[in-house]
Amino acid sequence: MNNLYTAIVKKDGNWWIGWIEEIPGVNCQEPTREELMKSLGVTLKEALEFNRQEAIAAAGNDWQAEQIAI
């Protein structure tokens, strides 16, 4: 599956700051735009995996995974 997310980025003084629009709490700050984009990617992957594990734990036993397209 190839998901696309939107990075909102801006330069603020000597720093680049960015947020992933679709996932609250995924934000980073780096000295270069390139480093920021890499950092956002890593942080997004970690957040998605954390959310996945949290959902599975909350579901308990006998759960099913269903794909949803919007």
PDB file of N, CA and C in Angstrom:
ATOM      1  N   MET A   1       0.844  -1.174   0.000  1.00  0.00           N
ATOM      2  CA  MET A   1       0.000   0.000   0.000  1.00  0.00           C
ATOM      3  C   MET A   1       0.887   1.234   0.000  1.00  0.00           C
ATOM      4  N   ASN A   2       0.556   2.167  -0.836  1.00  0.00           N
ATOM      5  CA  ASN A   2       1.355   3.376  -0.964  1.00  0.00           C
ATOM      6  C   ASN A   2       0.511   4.565  -0.524  1.00  0.00           C
ATOM      7  N   ASN A   3       0.686   5.017   0.720  1.00  0.00           N
ATOM      8  CA  ASN A   3      -0.088   6.130   1.254  1.00  0.00           C
ATOM      9  C   ASN A   3       0.662   7.437   1.062  1.00  0.00           C
ATOM     10  N   LEU A   4      -0.084   8.478   0.792  1.00  0.00           N
ATOM     11  CA  LEU A   4       0.494   9.813   0.679  1.00  0.00           C
ATOM     12  C   LEU A   4      -0.014  10.680   1.814  1.00  0.00           C
ATOM     13  N   TYR A   5       0.866  11.467   2.380  1.00  0.00           N
ATOM     14  CA  TYR A   5       0.519  12.383   3.449  1.00  0.00           C
ATOM     15  C   TYR A   5       1.008  13.769   3.060  1.00  0.00           C
ATOM     16  N   THR A   6       0.450  14.783   3.693  1.00  0.00           N
ATOM     17  CA  THR A   6       0.794  16.162   3.364  1.00  0.00           C
ATOM     18  C   THR A   6       1.665  16.762   4.455  1.00  0.00           C
ATOM     19  N   ALA A   7       2.862  17.200   4.078  1.00  0.00           N
ATOM     20  CA  ALA A   7       3.755  17.885   5.016  1.00  0.00           C
ATOM     21  C   ALA A   7       3.563  19.392   4.843  1.00  0.00           C
ATOM     22  N   ILE A   8       3.229  20.054   5.922  1.00  0.00           N
ATOM     23  CA  ILE A   8       3.151  21.515   5.953  1.00  0.00           C
ATOM     24  C   ILE A   8       4.489  21.979   6.517  1.00  0.00           C
ATOM     25  N   VAL A   9       5.266  22.707   5.719  1.00  0.00           N
ATOM     26  CA  VAL A   9       6.613  23.099   6.143  1.00  0.00           C
ATOM     27  C   VAL A   9       6.811  24.601   5.995  1.00  0.00           C
ATOM     28  N   LYS A  10       7.666  25.140   6.862  1.00  0.00           N
ATOM     29  CA  LYS A  10       8.033  26.550   6.729  1.00  0.00           C
ATOM     30  C   LYS A  10       9.381  26.794   7.390  1.00  0.00           C
ATOM     31  N   LYS A  11      10.049  27.814   6.914  1.00  0.00           N
ATOM     32  CA  LYS A  11      11.322  28.236   7.501  1.00  0.00           C
ATOM     33  C   LYS A  11      11.001  29.266   8.573  1.00  0.00           C
ATOM     34  N   ASP A  12      11.584  29.081   9.741  1.00  0.00           N
ATOM     35  CA  ASP A  12      11.366  29.987  10.861  1.00  0.00           C
ATOM     36  C   ASP A  12      12.730  30.327  11.451  1.00  0.00           C
ATOM     37  N   GLY A  13      13.253  31.459  11.072  1.00  0.00           N
ATOM     38  CA  GLY A  13      14.610  31.828  11.503  1.00  0.00           C
ATOM     39  C   GLY A  13      15.616  30.877  10.886  1.00  0.00           C
ATOM     40  N   ASN A  14      16.413  30.234  11.725  1.00  0.00           N
ATOM     41  CA  ASN A  14      17.423  29.288  11.245  1.00  0.00           C
ATOM     42  C   ASN A  14      16.900  27.859  11.153  1.00  0.00           C
ATOM     43  N   TRP A  15      15.639  27.649  11.423  1.00  0.00           N
ATOM     44  CA  TRP A  15      15.073  26.304  11.472  1.00  0.00           C
ATOM     45  C   TRP A  15      13.984  26.105  10.437  1.00  0.00           C
ATOM     46  N   TRP A  16      13.838  24.865  10.017  1.00  0.00           N
ATOM     47  CA  TRP A  16      12.694  24.433   9.222  1.00  0.00           C
ATOM     48  C   TRP A  16      11.788  23.662  10.175  1.00  0.00           C
ATOM     49  N   ILE A  17      10.513  23.993  10.170  1.00  0.00           N
ATOM     50  CA  ILE A  17       9.567  23.271  10.996  1.00  0.00           C
ATOM     51  C   ILE A  17       8.471  22.694  10.111  1.00  0.00           C
ATOM     52  N   GLY A  18       7.919  21.566  10.538  1.00  0.00           N
ATOM     53  CA  GLY A  18       6.913  20.925   9.700  1.00  0.00           C
ATOM     54  C   GLY A  18       5.963  20.058  10.500  1.00  0.00           C
ATOM     55  N   TRP A  19       4.798  19.857   9.907  1.00  0.00           N
ATOM     56  CA  TRP A  19       3.734  19.065  10.490  1.00  0.00           C
ATOM     57  C   TRP A  19       3.175  18.145   9.414  1.00  0.00           C
ATOM     58  N   ILE A  20       2.709  16.976   9.818  1.00  0.00           N
ATOM     59  CA  ILE A  20       1.964  16.121   8.912  1.00  0.00           C
ATOM     60  C   ILE A  20       0.497  16.463   9.122  1.00  0.00           C
ATOM     61  N   GLU A  21      -0.104  16.998   8.080  1.00  0.00           N
ATOM     62  CA  GLU A  21      -1.459  17.536   8.154  1.00  0.00           C
ATOM     63  C   GLU A  21      -2.478  16.511   8.651  1.00  0.00           C
ATOM     64  N   GLU A  22      -2.365  15.281   8.211  1.00  0.00           N
ATOM     65  CA  GLU A  22      -3.388  14.275   8.485  1.00  0.00           C
ATOM     66  C   GLU A  22      -3.252  13.569   9.833  1.00  0.00           C
ATOM     67  N   ILE A  23      -2.093  13.684  10.483  1.00  0.00           N
ATOM     68  CA  ILE A  23      -1.855  12.946  11.724  1.00  0.00           C
ATOM     69  C   ILE A  23      -1.464  13.924  12.838  1.00  0.00           C
ATOM     70  N   PRO A  24      -2.367  14.191  13.775  1.00  0.00           N
ATOM     71  CA  PRO A  24      -2.037  15.107  14.874  1.00  0.00           C
ATOM     72  C   PRO A  24      -0.811  14.621  15.653  1.00  0.00           C
ATOM     73  N   GLY A  25       0.022  15.556  16.047  1.00  0.00           N
ATOM     74  CA  GLY A  25       1.181  15.230  16.871  1.00  0.00           C
ATOM     75  C   GLY A  25       2.440  14.875  16.104  1.00  0.00           C
ATOM     76  N   VAL A  26       2.343  14.731  14.780  1.00  0.00           N
ATOM     77  CA  VAL A  26       3.540  14.426  13.990  1.00  0.00           C
ATOM     78  C   VAL A  26       4.095  15.759  13.484  1.00  0.00           C
ATOM     79  N   ASN A  27       5.135  16.222  14.168  1.00  0.00           N
ATOM     80  CA  ASN A  27       5.785  17.473  13.805  1.00  0.00           C
ATOM     81  C   ASN A  27       7.261  17.379  14.143  1.00  0.00           C
ATOM     82  N   CYS A  28       8.073  18.138  13.428  1.00  0.00           N
ATOM     83  CA  CYS A  28       9.527  18.092  13.613  1.00  0.00           C
ATOM     84  C   CYS A  28      10.124  19.468  13.355  1.00  0.00           C
ATOM     85  N   GLN A  29      11.364  19.617  13.776  1.00  0.00           N
ATOM     86  CA  GLN A  29      12.139  20.831  13.550  1.00  0.00           C
ATOM     87  C   GLN A  29      13.565  20.419  13.230  1.00  0.00           C
ATOM     88  N   GLU A  30      14.108  20.949  12.142  1.00  0.00           N
ATOM     89  CA  GLU A  30      15.472  20.612  11.722  1.00  0.00           C
ATOM     90  C   GLU A  30      16.136  21.840  11.099  1.00  0.00           C
ATOM     91  N   PRO A  31      17.467  21.837  11.014  1.00  0.00           N
ATOM     92  CA  PRO A  31      18.166  22.993  10.449  1.00  0.00           C
ATOM     93  C   PRO A  31      18.061  23.111   8.926  1.00  0.00           C
ATOM     94  N   THR A  32      17.752  22.022   8.220  1.00  0.00           N
ATOM     95  CA  THR A  32      17.595  22.105   6.764  1.00  0.00           C
ATOM     96  C   THR A  32      16.275  21.469   6.352  1.00  0.00           C
ATOM     97  N   ARG A  33      15.777  21.876   5.192  1.00  0.00           N
ATOM     98  CA  ARG A  33      14.531  21.327   4.662  1.00  0.00           C
ATOM     99  C   ARG A  33      14.681  19.821   4.398  1.00  0.00           C
ATOM    100  N   GLU A  34      15.808  19.422   3.855  1.00  0.00           N
ATOM    101  CA  GLU A  34      16.047  18.007   3.569  1.00  0.00           C
ATOM    102  C   GLU A  34      16.001  17.171   4.852  1.00  0.00           C
ATOM    103  N   GLU A  35      16.661  17.642   5.896  1.00  0.00           N
ATOM    104  CA  GLU A  35      16.640  16.927   7.178  1.00  0.00           C
ATOM    105  C   GLU A  35      15.228  16.893   7.758  1.00  0.00           C
ATOM    106  N   LEU A  36      14.499  17.999   7.592  1.00  0.00           N
ATOM    107  CA  LEU A  36      13.127  18.050   8.087  1.00  0.00           C
ATOM    108  C   LEU A  36      12.266  16.996   7.408  1.00  0.00           C
ATOM    109  N   MET A  37      12.359  16.879   6.092  1.00  0.00           N
ATOM    110  CA  MET A  37      11.537  15.912   5.372  1.00  0.00           C
ATOM    111  C   MET A  37      11.876  14.478   5.789  1.00  0.00           C
ATOM    112  N   LYS A  38      13.151  14.197   5.989  1.00  0.00           N
ATOM    113  CA  LYS A  38      13.549  12.865   6.467  1.00  0.00           C
ATOM    114  C   LYS A  38      12.990  12.613   7.865  1.00  0.00           C
ATOM    115  N   SER A  39      13.123  13.599   8.736  1.00  0.00           N
ATOM    116  CA  SER A  39      12.649  13.489  10.113  1.00  0.00           C
ATOM    117  C   SER A  39      11.132  13.283  10.161  1.00  0.00           C
ATOM    118  N   LEU A  40      10.411  14.035   9.343  1.00  0.00           N
ATOM    119  CA  LEU A  40       8.962  13.874   9.287  1.00  0.00           C
ATOM    120  C   LEU A  40       8.584  12.463   8.836  1.00  0.00           C
ATOM    121  N   GLY A  41       9.301  11.926   7.856  1.00  0.00           N
ATOM    122  CA  GLY A  41       9.033  10.569   7.382  1.00  0.00           C
ATOM    123  C   GLY A  41       9.237   9.528   8.468  1.00  0.00           C
ATOM    124  N   VAL A  42      10.344   9.636   9.191  1.00  0.00           N
ATOM    125  CA  VAL A  42      10.645   8.695  10.272  1.00  0.00           C
ATOM    126  C   VAL A  42       9.601   8.823  11.380  1.00  0.00           C
ATOM    127  N   THR A  43       9.291  10.051  11.759  1.00  0.00           N
ATOM    128  CA  THR A  43       8.329  10.294  12.838  1.00  0.00           C
ATOM    129  C   THR A  43       6.940   9.808  12.444  1.00  0.00           C
ATOM    130  N   LEU A  44       6.547  10.015  11.192  1.00  0.00           N
ATOM    131  CA  LEU A  44       5.254   9.538  10.703  1.00  0.00           C
ATOM    132  C   LEU A  44       5.177   8.017  10.768  1.00  0.00           C
ATOM    133  N   LYS A  45       6.220   7.336  10.313  1.00  0.00           N
ATOM    134  CA  LYS A  45       6.233   5.866  10.367  1.00  0.00           C
ATOM    135  C   LYS A  45       6.105   5.379  11.809  1.00  0.00           C
ATOM    136  N   GLU A  46       6.838   6.005  12.714  1.00  0.00           N
ATOM    137  CA  GLU A  46       6.779   5.615  14.124  1.00  0.00           C
ATOM    138  C   GLU A  46       5.386   5.849  14.700  1.00  0.00           C
ATOM    139  N   ALA A  47       4.771   6.986  14.374  1.00  0.00           N
ATOM    140  CA  ALA A  47       3.431   7.291  14.881  1.00  0.00           C
ATOM    141  C   ALA A  47       2.401   6.305  14.352  1.00  0.00           C
ATOM    142  N   LEU A  48       2.486   5.964  13.070  1.00  0.00           N
ATOM    143  CA  LEU A  48       1.544   5.009  12.492  1.00  0.00           C
ATOM    144  C   LEU A  48       1.695   3.634  13.134  1.00  0.00           C
ATOM    145  N   GLU A  49       2.924   3.203  13.372  1.00  0.00           N
ATOM    146  CA  GLU A  49       3.149   1.913  14.008  1.00  0.00           C
ATOM    147  C   GLU A  49       2.648   1.925  15.458  1.00  0.00           C
ATOM    148  N   PHE A  50       2.909   3.007  16.168  1.00  0.00           N
ATOM    149  CA  PHE A  50       2.413   3.135  17.541  1.00  0.00           C
ATOM    150  C   PHE A  50       0.891   3.079  17.556  1.00  0.00           C
ATOM    151  N   ASN A  51       0.242   3.833  16.653  1.00  0.00           N
ATOM    152  CA  ASN A  51      -1.220   3.835  16.590  1.00  0.00           C
ATOM    153  C   ASN A  51      -1.756   2.451  16.244  1.00  0.00           C
ATOM    154  N   ARG A  52      -1.067   1.750  15.349  1.00  0.00           N
ATOM    155  CA  ARG A  52      -1.468   0.400  14.967  1.00  0.00           C
ATOM    156  C   ARG A  52      -1.426  -0.528  16.169  1.00  0.00           C
ATOM    157  N   GLN A  53      -0.317  -0.506  16.893  1.00  0.00           N
ATOM    158  CA  GLN A  53      -0.166  -1.366  18.068  1.00  0.00           C
ATOM    159  C   GLN A  53      -1.191  -1.014  19.155  1.00  0.00           C
ATOM    160  N   GLU A  54      -1.450   0.269  19.317  1.00  0.00           N
ATOM    161  CA  GLU A  54      -2.434   0.718  20.311  1.00  0.00           C
ATOM    162  C   GLU A  54      -3.842   0.235  19.947  1.00  0.00           C
ATOM    163  N   ALA A  55      -4.191   0.300  18.669  1.00  0.00           N
ATOM    164  CA  ALA A  55      -5.504  -0.166  18.215  1.00  0.00           C
ATOM    165  C   ALA A  55      -5.652  -1.670  18.418  1.00  0.00           C
ATOM    166  N   ILE A  56      -4.621  -2.423  18.086  1.00  0.00           N
ATOM    167  CA  ILE A  56      -4.656  -3.882  18.257  1.00  0.00           C
ATOM    168  C   ILE A  56      -4.799  -4.239  19.735  1.00  0.00           C
ATOM    169  N   ALA A  57      -4.063  -3.552  20.590  1.00  0.00           N
ATOM    170  CA  ALA A  57      -4.157  -3.818  22.028  1.00  0.00           C
ATOM    171  C   ALA A  57      -5.550  -3.482  22.554  1.00  0.00           C
ATOM    172  N   ALA A  58      -6.127  -2.390  22.077  1.00  0.00           N
ATOM    173  CA  ALA A  58      -7.456  -1.986  22.530  1.00  0.00           C
ATOM    174  C   ALA A  58      -8.534  -2.956  22.050  1.00  0.00           C
ATOM    175  N   ALA A  59      -8.330  -3.571  20.894  1.00  0.00           N
ATOM    176  CA  ALA A  59      -9.321  -4.491  20.323  1.00  0.00           C
ATOM    177  C   ALA A  59      -9.381  -5.802  21.087  1.00  0.00           C
ATOM    178  N   GLY A  60      -8.305  -6.145  21.761  1.00  0.00           N
ATOM    179  CA  GLY A  60      -8.294  -7.401  22.513  1.00  0.00           C
ATOM    180  C   GLY A  60      -8.202  -8.597  21.586  1.00  0.00           C
ATOM    181  N   ASN A  61      -9.011  -9.612  21.852  1.00  0.00           N
ATOM    182  CA  ASN A  61      -8.998 -10.847  21.066  1.00  0.00           C
ATOM    183  C   ASN A  61     -10.066 -10.823  19.972  1.00  0.00           C
ATOM    184  N   ASP A  62      -9.920 -11.718  19.019  1.00  0.00           N
ATOM    185  CA  ASP A  62     -10.922 -11.955  17.989  1.00  0.00           C
ATOM    186  C   ASP A  62     -11.272 -10.723  17.171  1.00  0.00           C
ATOM    187  N   TRP A  63     -10.249 -10.043  16.667  1.00  0.00           N
ATOM    188  CA  TRP A  63     -10.480  -8.855  15.845  1.00  0.00           C
ATOM    189  C   TRP A  63     -10.171  -9.144  14.386  1.00  0.00           C
ATOM    190  N   GLN A  64     -10.667  -8.278  13.519  1.00  0.00           N
ATOM    191  CA  GLN A  64     -10.414  -8.375  12.087  1.00  0.00           C
ATOM    192  C   GLN A  64      -9.908  -7.022  11.582  1.00  0.00           C
ATOM    193  N   ALA A  65      -9.053  -7.058  10.601  1.00  0.00           N
ATOM    194  CA  ALA A  65      -8.578  -5.833   9.954  1.00  0.00           C
ATOM    195  C   ALA A  65      -9.349  -5.639   8.654  1.00  0.00           C
ATOM    196  N   GLU A  66      -9.866  -4.462   8.448  1.00  0.00           N
ATOM    197  CA  GLU A  66     -10.595  -4.118   7.223  1.00  0.00           C
ATOM    198  C   GLU A  66      -9.962  -2.865   6.627  1.00  0.00           C
ATOM    199  N   GLN A  67      -9.786  -2.848   5.329  1.00  0.00           N
ATOM    200  CA  GLN A  67      -9.241  -1.679   4.648  1.00  0.00           C
ATOM    201  C   GLN A  67     -10.375  -0.715   4.294  1.00  0.00           C
ATOM    202  N   ILE A  68     -10.104   0.561   4.440  1.00  0.00           N
ATOM    203  CA  ILE A  68     -11.083   1.600   4.114  1.00  0.00           C
ATOM    204  C   ILE A  68     -10.431   2.568   3.145  1.00  0.00           C
ATOM    205  N   ALA A  69     -11.087   2.786   2.031  1.00  0.00           N
ATOM    206  CA  ALA A  69     -10.599   3.783   1.071  1.00  0.00           C
ATOM    207  C   ALA A  69     -11.526   4.998   1.126  1.00  0.00           C
ATOM    208  N   ILE A  70     -10.920   6.178   1.137  1.00  0.00           N
ATOM    209  CA  ILE A  70     -11.738   7.387   1.153  1.00  0.00           C
ATOM    210  C   ILE A  70     -11.391   8.263  -0.035  1.00  0.00           C
TER     211      ILE A  70
END
